[in-house]
Each structure stands twice: as C-alpha cells, then as structure tokens.
Amino acid sequence: MDNTSQIEYWNGPAGQKWVRDADRMDVMLSPFVEPIISSVLPAPGQSVIDIGCGAGALSLNLAASAVNVSVT
C-alpha cells in the first residue's frame, strides 16, 4: 500500500494547521483524559493502543502510569 497521498497531505497545509492547533486541542480534550483512563483501568505492565491519538495527551498520561502505550 502506497502512503504517498497521506505523506503529501500531512506535510502540507493540513499538517501545519495540526501543529498550530495541537495545544488548543490538548486543552479542549483534557477534561476527558482522566475519565477515559478511569474507565479503562489499565494495570501496570498492561499494553494500550491509542488510535487517533491526537497530540498525545492521553498517551502521555497512560505512559506516566507505567502502562505500555502504542500510538497510531
């Protein structure tokens, strides 16, 4: 599978907009981080995959709790 169109998309204006708005998105989504972690209740050493991880706030919080996190 060729990812050329996705590479071009994210290296263009869409990627620049994402970088510009990443902090704002983290602030908007921050109220949901703790409720998500509480509902999943990952145990130390457990693996979690965060699909569509945004700027990574949820992934970073999960990783801080000694959970093995993969992002995509």
C-alpha atoms as a PDB file:
ATOM      1  CA  MET A   1       0.000   0.000   0.000  1.00  0.00           C
ATOM      2  CA  ASP A   2       1.371   3.394  -1.001  1.00  0.00           C
ATOM      3  CA  ASN A   3       1.140   6.226   1.543  1.00  0.00           C
ATOM      4  CA  THR A   4       2.221   8.977  -0.855  1.00  0.00           C
ATOM      5  CA  SER A   5      -1.063  10.891  -0.658  1.00  0.00           C
ATOM      6  CA  GLN A   6      -1.053  10.801   3.168  1.00  0.00           C
ATOM      7  CA  ILE A   7       2.571  11.950   3.284  1.00  0.00           C
ATOM      8  CA  GLU A   8       1.748  14.859   0.972  1.00  0.00           C
ATOM      9  CA  TYR A   9      -1.379  15.714   2.969  1.00  0.00           C
ATOM     10  CA  TRP A  10       0.333  15.826   6.378  1.00  0.00           C
ATOM     11  CA  ASN A  11       3.433  17.591   5.027  1.00  0.00           C
ATOM     12  CA  GLY A  12       1.224  20.318   3.528  1.00  0.00           C
ATOM     13  CA  PRO A  13      -1.201  22.898   4.945  1.00  0.00           C
ATOM     14  CA  ALA A  14      -3.172  20.289   6.934  1.00  0.00           C
ATOM     15  CA  GLY A  15      -0.075  19.255   8.876  1.00  0.00           C
ATOM     16  CA  GLN A  16       0.872  22.875   9.507  1.00  0.00           C
ATOM     17  CA  LYS A  17      -2.643  23.581  10.814  1.00  0.00           C
ATOM     18  CA  TRP A  18      -2.439  20.488  13.066  1.00  0.00           C
ATOM     19  CA  VAL A  19       0.828  21.702  14.607  1.00  0.00           C
ATOM     20  CA  ARG A  20      -0.577  25.201  15.060  1.00  0.00           C
ATOM     21  CA  ASP A  21      -3.720  23.902  16.819  1.00  0.00           C
ATOM     22  CA  ALA A  22      -2.218  20.991  18.818  1.00  0.00           C
ATOM     23  CA  ASP A  23      -2.024  22.878  22.124  1.00  0.00           C
ATOM     24  CA  ARG A  24      -5.607  24.107  21.776  1.00  0.00           C
ATOM     25  CA  MET A  25      -6.805  20.568  21.045  1.00  0.00           C
ATOM     26  CA  ASP A  26      -4.973  19.244  24.124  1.00  0.00           C
ATOM     27  CA  VAL A  27      -6.738  21.843  26.283  1.00  0.00           C
ATOM     28  CA  MET A  28     -10.130  21.009  24.744  1.00  0.00           C
ATOM     29  CA  LEU A  29      -9.660  17.263  25.227  1.00  0.00           C
ATOM     30  CA  SER A  30      -8.008  17.411  28.676  1.00  0.00           C
ATOM     31  CA  PRO A  31     -11.298  17.032  30.617  1.00  0.00           C
ATOM     32  CA  PHE A  32     -11.715  13.594  29.015  1.00  0.00           C
ATOM     33  CA  VAL A  33      -8.268  12.169  29.824  1.00  0.00           C
ATOM     34  CA  GLU A  34      -8.923  11.094  33.426  1.00  0.00           C
ATOM     35  CA  PRO A  35     -12.421   9.691  32.758  1.00  0.00           C
ATOM     36  CA  ILE A  36     -11.047   7.602  29.886  1.00  0.00           C
ATOM     37  CA  ILE A  37      -8.168   6.272  31.982  1.00  0.00           C
ATOM     38  CA  SER A  38     -10.551   5.524  34.873  1.00  0.00           C
ATOM     39  CA  SER A  39     -12.978   3.672  32.614  1.00  0.00           C
ATOM     40  CA  VAL A  40     -10.233   1.537  31.081  1.00  0.00           C
ATOM     41  CA  LEU A  41      -8.391   0.974  34.381  1.00  0.00           C
ATOM     42  CA  PRO A  42      -5.111  -0.188  32.843  1.00  0.00           C
ATOM     43  CA  ALA A  43      -2.891  -2.124  35.227  1.00  0.00           C
ATOM     44  CA  PRO A  44       0.874  -1.513  35.412  1.00  0.00           C
ATOM     45  CA  GLY A  45       2.564  -3.526  32.687  1.00  0.00           C
ATOM     46  CA  GLN A  46      -0.611  -3.742  30.617  1.00  0.00           C
ATOM     47  CA  SER A  47      -0.465  -2.626  26.975  1.00  0.00           C
ATOM     48  CA  VAL A  48      -2.774   0.001  25.487  1.00  0.00           C
ATOM     49  CA  ILE A  49      -3.024   1.202  21.895  1.00  0.00           C
ATOM     50  CA  ASP A  50      -4.233   4.768  21.358  1.00  0.00           C
ATOM     51  CA  ILE A  51      -5.599   5.052  17.811  1.00  0.00           C
ATOM     52  CA  GLY A  52      -6.084   8.549  16.518  1.00  0.00           C
ATOM     53  CA  CYS A  53      -4.059   9.805  19.461  1.00  0.00           C
ATOM     54  CA  GLY A  54      -4.261  13.497  18.614  1.00  0.00           C
ATOM     55  CA  ALA A  55      -1.310  15.375  20.044  1.00  0.00           C
ATOM     56  CA  GLY A  56      -0.663  12.617  22.582  1.00  0.00           C
ATOM     57  CA  ALA A  57      -2.074  13.913  25.888  1.00  0.00           C
ATOM     58  CA  LEU A  58      -3.906  10.659  26.635  1.00  0.00           C
ATOM     59  CA  SER A  59      -0.925   8.534  25.562  1.00  0.00           C
ATOM     60  CA  LEU A  60       1.466  10.535  27.734  1.00  0.00           C
ATOM     61  CA  ASN A  61      -0.814  10.200  30.769  1.00  0.00           C
ATOM     62  CA  LEU A  62      -1.142   6.460  30.219  1.00  0.00           C
ATOM     63  CA  ALA A  63       2.623   6.094  29.819  1.00  0.00           C
ATOM     64  CA  ALA A  64       3.152   8.021  33.070  1.00  0.00           C
ATOM     65  CA  SER A  65       1.096   5.368  34.853  1.00  0.00           C
ATOM     66  CA  ALA A  66       3.590   2.657  33.800  1.00  0.00           C
ATOM     67  CA  VAL A  67       1.345   1.329  31.039  1.00  0.00           C
ATOM     68  CA  ASN A  68       2.950   0.212  27.769  1.00  0.00           C
ATOM     69  CA  VAL A  69       1.414   2.557  25.177  1.00  0.00           C
ATOM     70  CA  SER A  70       1.479   2.286  21.396  1.00  0.00           C
ATOM     71  CA  VAL A  71       0.137   5.134  19.287  1.00  0.00           C
ATOM     72  CA  THR A  72      -1.088   5.213  15.736  1.00  0.00           C
END
